PDB file of N, CA and C in Angstrom:
ATOM      1  N   MET A   1     -47.906-243.811  -0.095  1.00  0.00           N
ATOM      2  CA  MET A   1     -49.282-242.903   0.754  1.00  0.00           C
ATOM      3  C   MET A   1     -49.946-243.947   0.630  1.00  0.00           C
ATOM      4  N   SER A   2     -50.519-244.071   1.775  1.00  0.00           N
ATOM      5  CA  SER A   2     -51.647-245.087   1.991  1.00  0.00           C
ATOM      6  C   SER A   2     -53.035-245.240   1.643  1.00  0.00           C
ATOM      7  N   ASP A   3     -53.742-246.166   1.326  1.00  0.00           N
ATOM      8  CA  ASP A   3     -55.009-246.191   0.587  1.00  0.00           C
ATOM      9  C   ASP A   3     -55.925-244.879   1.715  1.00  0.00           C
ATOM     10  N   ARG A   4     -56.063-245.021   2.521  1.00  0.00           N
ATOM     11  CA  ARG A   4     -56.454-243.784   3.440  1.00  0.00           C
ATOM     12  C   ARG A   4     -56.095-242.471   2.881  1.00  0.00           C
ATOM     13  N   ALA A   5     -54.520-242.471   3.117  1.00  0.00           N
ATOM     14  CA  ALA A   5     -54.202-241.145   3.049  1.00  0.00           C
ATOM     15  C   ALA A   5     -54.611-240.313   1.806  1.00  0.00           C
ATOM     16  N   VAL A   6     -54.999-241.230   0.238  1.00  0.00           N
ATOM     17  CA  VAL A   6     -55.253-240.874  -1.122  1.00  0.00           C
ATOM     18  C   VAL A   6     -56.846-240.422  -0.596  1.00  0.00           C
ATOM     19  N   ILE A   7     -57.691-241.471   0.113  1.00  0.00           N
ATOM     20  CA  ILE A   7     -58.976-241.178  -0.100  1.00  0.00           C
ATOM     21  C   ILE A   7     -59.064-239.708   0.639  1.00  0.00           C
ATOM     22  N   ARG A   8     -58.519-239.771   2.053  1.00  0.00           N
ATOM     23  CA  ARG A   8     -58.755-238.394   2.543  1.00  0.00           C
ATOM     24  C   ARG A   8     -58.596-237.001   2.383  1.00  0.00           C
ATOM     25  N   ARG A   9     -57.338-237.085   1.356  1.00  0.00           N
ATOM     26  CA  ARG A   9     -56.832-235.792   0.760  1.00  0.00           C
ATOM     27  C   ARG A   9     -57.656-235.475  -0.026  1.00  0.00           C
ATOM     28  N   HIS A  10     -58.620-236.420  -0.929  1.00  0.00           N
ATOM     29  CA  HIS A  10     -59.260-235.931  -2.237  1.00  0.00           C
ATOM     30  C   HIS A  10     -60.800-236.011  -1.294  1.00  0.00           C
ATOM     31  N   PHE A  11     -61.201-236.385  -0.037  1.00  0.00           N
ATOM     32  CA  PHE A  11     -62.324-235.954   0.463  1.00  0.00           C
ATOM     33  C   PHE A  11     -62.286-234.621   1.053  1.00  0.00           C
ATOM     34  N   GLY A  12     -60.988-234.635   1.505  1.00  0.00           N
ATOM     35  CA  GLY A  12     -60.885-233.048   1.892  1.00  0.00           C
ATOM     36  C   GLY A  12     -60.926-232.029   0.656  1.00  0.00           C
ATOM     37  N   ALA A  13     -60.774-232.286  -0.223  1.00  0.00           N
ATOM     38  CA  ALA A  13     -60.777-231.539  -1.404  1.00  0.00           C
ATOM     39  C   ALA A  13     -62.420-231.071  -1.900  1.00  0.00           C
ATOM     40  N   LEU A  14     -63.122-232.434  -1.881  1.00  0.00           N
ATOM     41  CA  LEU A  14     -64.637-232.221  -2.130  1.00  0.00           C
ATOM     42  C   LEU A  14     -65.086-231.770  -1.078  1.00  0.00           C
ATOM     43  N   LEU A  15     -64.833-231.702   0.247  1.00  0.00           N
ATOM     44  CA  LEU A  15     -65.448-230.728   1.395  1.00  0.00           C
ATOM     45  C   LEU A  15     -65.254-229.220   1.105  1.00  0.00           C
ATOM     46  N   GLU A  16     -64.099-229.324   0.564  1.00  0.00           N
ATOM     47  CA  GLU A  16     -63.685-227.772   0.308  1.00  0.00           C
ATOM     48  C   GLU A  16     -64.503-227.325  -0.716  1.00  0.00           C
ATOM     49  N   GLU A  17     -64.377-227.847  -1.687  1.00  0.00           N
ATOM     50  CA  GLU A  17     -65.009-227.476  -3.146  1.00  0.00           C
ATOM     51  C   GLU A  17     -66.853-227.085  -2.721  1.00  0.00           C
ATOM     52  N   ALA A  18     -67.121-228.337  -2.011  1.00  0.00           N
ATOM     53  CA  ALA A  18     -68.815-228.294  -1.713  1.00  0.00           C
ATOM     54  C   ALA A  18     -69.095-227.170  -1.125  1.00  0.00           C
ATOM     55  N   HIS A  19     -68.252-226.599   0.030  1.00  0.00           N
ATOM     56  CA  HIS A  19     -68.419-225.581   0.857  1.00  0.00           C
ATOM     57  C   HIS A  19     -68.297-224.259   0.066  1.00  0.00           C
ATOM     58  N   ALA A  20     -67.547-224.165  -0.756  1.00  0.00           N
ATOM     59  CA  ALA A  20     -67.402-222.854  -1.656  1.00  0.00           C
ATOM     60  C   ALA A  20     -68.561-222.702  -2.468  1.00  0.00           C
ATOM     61  N   ALA A  21     -69.370-223.760  -2.871  1.00  0.00           N
ATOM     62  CA  ALA A  21     -70.411-224.146  -3.704  1.00  0.00           C
ATOM     63  C   ALA A  21     -71.826-223.910  -2.907  1.00  0.00           C
ATOM     64  N   HIS A  22     -71.544-223.919  -1.292  1.00  0.00           N
ATOM     65  CA  HIS A  22     -72.459-223.587  -0.457  1.00  0.00           C
ATOM     66  C   HIS A  22     -73.221-224.959  -0.387  1.00  0.00           C
ATOM     67  N   ILE A  23     -73.157-226.322  -0.688  1.00  0.00           N
ATOM     68  CA  ILE A  23     -73.528-227.505  -0.403  1.00  0.00           C
ATOM     69  C   ILE A  23     -73.578-227.635   0.860  1.00  0.00           C
ATOM     70  N   PRO A  24     -74.378-227.619   1.950  1.00  0.00           N
ATOM     71  CA  PRO A  24     -74.291-228.444   3.256  1.00  0.00           C
ATOM     72  C   PRO A  24     -73.719-229.763   3.536  1.00  0.00           C
ATOM     73  N   PRO A  25     -73.212-229.843   4.430  1.00  0.00           N
ATOM     74  CA  PRO A  25     -72.404-231.029   4.933  1.00  0.00           C
ATOM     75  C   PRO A  25     -72.937-232.385   4.606  1.00  0.00           C
ATOM     76  N   ASP A  26     -74.325-232.400   5.012  1.00  0.00           N
ATOM     77  CA  ASP A  26     -75.213-233.308   5.249  1.00  0.00           C
ATOM     78  C   ASP A  26     -75.620-233.551   3.677  1.00  0.00           C
ATOM     79  N   VAL A  27     -75.850-232.809   2.768  1.00  0.00           N
ATOM     80  CA  VAL A  27     -75.933-233.042   1.439  1.00  0.00           C
ATOM     81  C   VAL A  27     -74.886-233.933   0.696  1.00  0.00           C
ATOM     82  N   VAL A  28     -73.652-233.392   1.171  1.00  0.00           N
ATOM     83  CA  VAL A  28     -72.607-233.768   0.435  1.00  0.00           C
ATOM     84  C   VAL A  28     -72.474-235.591   1.061  1.00  0.00           C
ATOM     85  N   GLY A  29     -72.806-235.571   2.464  1.00  0.00           N
ATOM     86  CA  GLY A  29     -72.467-237.156   2.986  1.00  0.00           C
ATOM     87  C   GLY A  29     -73.838-237.813   2.222  1.00  0.00           C
ATOM     88  N   ARG A  30     -74.923-237.479   2.061  1.00  0.00           N
ATOM     89  CA  ARG A  30     -76.032-238.383   1.732  1.00  0.00           C
ATOM     90  C   ARG A  30     -75.805-238.530  -0.016  1.00  0.00           C
ATOM     91  N   MET A  31     -75.057-237.725  -0.396  1.00  0.00           N
ATOM     92  CA  MET A  31     -74.723-238.114  -1.998  1.00  0.00           C
ATOM     93  C   MET A  31     -73.343-238.731  -2.254  1.00  0.00           C
ATOM     94  N   LEU A  32     -72.612-238.820  -1.019  1.00  0.00           N
ATOM     95  CA  LEU A  32     -71.456-239.788  -1.183  1.00  0.00           C
ATOM     96  C   LEU A  32     -72.130-241.170  -1.032  1.00  0.00           C
ATOM     97  N   LEU A  33     -72.939-241.325   0.108  1.00  0.00           N
ATOM     98  CA  LEU A  33     -73.320-242.456   0.717  1.00  0.00           C
ATOM     99  C   LEU A  33     -74.368-243.288  -0.726  1.00  0.00           C
ATOM    100  N   ASP A  34     -74.952-242.471  -1.334  1.00  0.00           N
ATOM    101  CA  ASP A  34     -75.438-242.972  -2.674  1.00  0.00           C
ATOM    102  C   ASP A  34     -74.291-243.143  -3.578  1.00  0.00           C
ATOM    103  N   GLU A  35     -73.301-242.341  -3.877  1.00  0.00           N
ATOM    104  CA  GLU A  35     -72.113-242.936  -4.545  1.00  0.00           C
ATOM    105  C   GLU A  35     -71.214-244.104  -4.147  1.00  0.00           C
ATOM    106  N   VAL A  36     -71.179-244.453  -3.075  1.00  0.00           N
ATOM    107  CA  VAL A  36     -70.773-245.876  -2.460  1.00  0.00           C
ATOM    108  C   VAL A  36     -71.793-246.568  -2.717  1.00  0.00           C
ATOM    109  N   LEU A  37     -73.176-246.569  -2.201  1.00  0.00           N
ATOM    110  CA  LEU A  37     -73.670-247.589  -2.509  1.00  0.00           C
ATOM    111  C   LEU A  37     -73.704-248.214  -4.023  1.00  0.00           C
ATOM    112  N   GLU A  38     -73.632-247.418  -5.063  1.00  0.00           N
ATOM    113  CA  GLU A  38     -73.776-247.541  -6.192  1.00  0.00           C
ATOM    114  C   GLU A  38     -72.448-248.594  -6.749  1.00  0.00           C
ATOM    115  N   LEU A  39     -71.126-248.242  -6.008  1.00  0.00           N
ATOM    116  CA  LEU A  39     -70.114-248.490  -6.382  1.00  0.00           C
ATOM    117  C   LEU A  39     -69.987-250.218  -6.117  1.00  0.00           C
ATOM    118  N   TRP A  40     -70.421-250.420  -4.548  1.00  0.00           N
ATOM    119  CA  TRP A  40     -70.676-251.505  -4.063  1.00  0.00           C
ATOM    120  C   TRP A  40     -71.624-252.316  -4.813  1.00  0.00           C
ATOM    121  N   ARG A  41     -72.775-252.145  -5.254  1.00  0.00           N
ATOM    122  CA  ARG A  41     -73.660-252.609  -5.988  1.00  0.00           C
ATOM    123  C   ARG A  41     -73.132-253.187  -7.083  1.00  0.00           C
ATOM    124  N   GLN A  42     -72.084-252.913  -7.648  1.00  0.00           N
ATOM    125  CA  GLN A  42     -71.006-253.197  -8.959  1.00  0.00           C
ATOM    126  C   GLN A  42     -70.611-254.488  -8.477  1.00  0.00           C
ATOM    127  N   HIS A  43     -70.368-254.421  -7.026  1.00  0.00           N
ATOM    128  CA  HIS A  43     -69.465-255.960  -6.698  1.00  0.00           C
ATOM    129  C   HIS A  43     -69.620-256.737  -5.897  1.00  0.00           C
ATOM    130  N   ARG A  44     -70.526-256.242  -5.134  1.00  0.00           N
ATOM    131  CA  ARG A  44     -71.069-256.878  -4.053  1.00  0.00           C
ATOM    132  C   ARG A  44     -72.611-257.342  -3.993  1.00  0.00           C
ATOM    133  N   SER A  45     -73.259-257.981  -3.185  1.00  0.00           N
ATOM    134  CA  SER A  45     -74.455-258.553  -3.059  1.00  0.00           C
ATOM    135  C   SER A  45     -75.252-257.463  -2.131  1.00  0.00           C
ATOM    136  N   ILE A  46     -76.563-257.539  -2.540  1.00  0.00           N
ATOM    137  CA  ILE A  46     -77.048-256.633  -1.452  1.00  0.00           C
ATOM    138  C   ILE A  46     -77.137-257.010  -0.129  1.00  0.00           C
ATOM    139  N   GLU A  47     -77.169-258.462  -0.037  1.00  0.00           N
ATOM    140  CA  GLU A  47     -76.955-258.892   1.199  1.00  0.00           C
ATOM    141  C   GLU A  47     -75.477-258.886   2.052  1.00  0.00           C
ATOM    142  N   ASP A  48     -74.764-258.841   1.288  1.00  0.00           N
ATOM    143  CA  ASP A  48     -73.437-258.481   1.884  1.00  0.00           C
ATOM    144  C   ASP A  48     -73.444-256.713   2.133  1.00  0.00           C
ATOM    145  N   ILE A  49     -73.728-255.888   1.439  1.00  0.00           N
ATOM    146  CA  ILE A  49     -73.904-254.686   1.560  1.00  0.00           C
ATOM    147  C   ILE A  49     -74.845-254.123   2.762  1.00  0.00           C
ATOM    148  N   ALA A  50     -75.720-254.732   2.770  1.00  0.00           N
ATOM    149  CA  ALA A  50     -77.022-254.423   3.785  1.00  0.00           C
ATOM    150  C   ALA A  50     -75.972-254.984   5.275  1.00  0.00           C
ATOM    151  N   ALA A  51     -75.616-256.244   5.290  1.00  0.00           N
ATOM    152  CA  ALA A  51     -74.495-256.599   6.233  1.00  0.00           C
ATOM    153  C   ALA A  51     -73.641-255.519   6.815  1.00  0.00           C
ATOM    154  N   GLU A  52     -72.735-254.764   5.752  1.00  0.00           N
ATOM    155  CA  GLU A  52     -71.596-254.157   6.299  1.00  0.00           C
ATOM    156  C   GLU A  52     -72.171-252.575   6.855  1.00  0.00           C
ATOM    157  N   LEU A  53     -73.588-252.128   6.150  1.00  0.00           N
ATOM    158  CA  LEU A  53     -74.175-251.041   6.724  1.00  0.00           C
ATOM    159  C   LEU A  53     -74.727-251.694   8.208  1.00  0.00           C
ATOM    160  N   ARG A  54     -75.512-252.792   8.271  1.00  0.00           N
ATOM    161  CA  ARG A  54     -75.664-253.142   9.950  1.00  0.00           C
ATOM    162  C   ARG A  54     -74.451-252.740  10.785  1.00  0.00           C
ATOM    163  N   PHE A  55     -73.831-253.417  10.404  1.00  0.00           N
ATOM    164  CA  PHE A  55     -72.221-253.470  11.348  1.00  0.00           C
ATOM    165  C   PHE A  55     -71.934-251.892  11.462  1.00  0.00           C
ATOM    166  N   MET A  56     -71.596-251.200  10.347  1.00  0.00           N
ATOM    167  CA  MET A  56     -71.598-249.766  10.825  1.00  0.00           C
ATOM    168  C   MET A  56     -72.547-248.748  11.381  1.00  0.00           C
ATOM    169  N   ILE A  57     -73.549-249.075  11.252  1.00  0.00           N
ATOM    170  CA  ILE A  57     -74.848-248.584  12.102  1.00  0.00           C
ATOM    171  C   ILE A  57     -74.528-249.392  13.779  1.00  0.00           C
ATOM    172  N   GLU A  58     -74.131-250.411  14.084  1.00  0.00           N
ATOM    173  CA  GLU A  58     -74.284-250.691  15.232  1.00  0.00           C
ATOM    174  C   GLU A  58     -72.846-250.635  15.635  1.00  0.00           C
ATOM    175  N   ASN A  59     -71.961-249.806  15.233  1.00  0.00           N
ATOM    176  CA  ASN A  59     -70.435-249.308  15.835  1.00  0.00           C
ATOM    177  C   ASN A  59     -70.790-247.514  15.303  1.00  0.00           C
ATOM    178  N   LEU A  60     -71.834-247.147  15.371  1.00  0.00           N
ATOM    179  CA  LEU A  60     -71.438-245.518  15.105  1.00  0.00           C
ATOM    180  C   LEU A  60     -71.147-244.977  16.631  1.00  0.00           C
ATOM    181  N   ASP A  61     -71.400-244.988  18.008  1.00  0.00           N
ATOM    182  CA  ASP A  61     -71.227-244.749  19.147  1.00  0.00           C
ATOM    183  C   ASP A  61     -69.561-244.891  19.026  1.00  0.00           C
ATOM    184  N   PRO A  62     -68.757-243.936  19.159  1.00  0.00           N
ATOM    185  CA  PRO A  62     -67.486-243.959  19.530  1.00  0.00           C
ATOM    186  C   PRO A  62     -66.752-244.321  20.948  1.00  0.00           C
ATOM    187  N   ASP A  63     -67.821-243.844  21.911  1.00  0.00           N
ATOM    188  CA  ASP A  63     -67.797-244.295  23.681  1.00  0.00           C
ATOM    189  C   ASP A  63     -68.636-245.556  23.662  1.00  0.00           C
ATOM    190  N   GLN A  64     -68.970-246.415  22.661  1.00  0.00           N
ATOM    191  CA  GLN A  64     -69.646-247.634  23.164  1.00  0.00           C
ATOM    192  C   GLN A  64     -68.520-248.401  23.676  1.00  0.00           C
ATOM    193  N   ASP A  65     -69.011-249.268  24.860  1.00  0.00           N
ATOM    194  CA  ASP A  65     -68.056-250.246  25.099  1.00  0.00           C
ATOM    195  C   ASP A  65     -68.367-251.910  24.822  1.00  0.00           C
ATOM    196  N   TYR A  66     -67.573-252.313  24.473  1.00  0.00           N
ATOM    197  CA  TYR A  66     -67.469-253.507  23.875  1.00  0.00           C
ATOM    198  C   TYR A  66     -67.216-254.715  24.663  1.00  0.00           C
ATOM    199  N   PRO A  67     -68.013-255.685  24.956  1.00  0.00           N
ATOM    200  CA  PRO A  67     -67.921-256.792  26.108  1.00  0.00           C
ATOM    201  C   PRO A  67     -66.679-257.576  25.199  1.00  0.00           C
ATOM    202  N   PHE A  68     -65.776-258.116  25.865  1.00  0.00           N
ATOM    203  CA  PHE A  68     -64.308-258.920  25.265  1.00  0.00           C
ATOM    204  C   PHE A  68     -64.602-260.207  26.221  1.00  0.00           C
ATOM    205  N   ILE A  69     -64.170-261.134  25.444  1.00  0.00           N
ATOM    206  CA  ILE A  69     -64.395-262.451  25.899  1.00  0.00           C
ATOM    207  C   ILE A  69     -63.222-263.138  26.285  1.00  0.00           C
ATOM    208  N   ARG A  70     -62.872-263.406  27.400  1.00  0.00           N
ATOM    209  CA  ARG A  70     -61.448-263.578  27.884  1.00  0.00           C
ATOM    210  C   ARG A  70     -61.197-265.473  27.508  1.00  0.00           C
ATOM    211  N   PRO A  71     -60.251-265.857  27.381  1.00  0.00           N
ATOM    212  CA  PRO A  71     -59.756-266.952  27.200  1.00  0.00           C
ATOM    213  C   PRO A  71     -60.058-267.533  28.650  1.00  0.00           C
TER     214      PRO A  71
END
């Protein structure tokens, strides 16, 4: 089983449990982000985390066109 498959399986179970407990998806997302940041702080520098988050923010739009450099 791939890393992604393991995480998605547990994430799906988390969302189901949160829904059953009437926890809004937005709250789940914020709490998960808090947990991810706490995990990253244990092993990564603040600068590295900030760079990762900036990259994610800059690539949020799935319809964004990216310029490609051709040789």
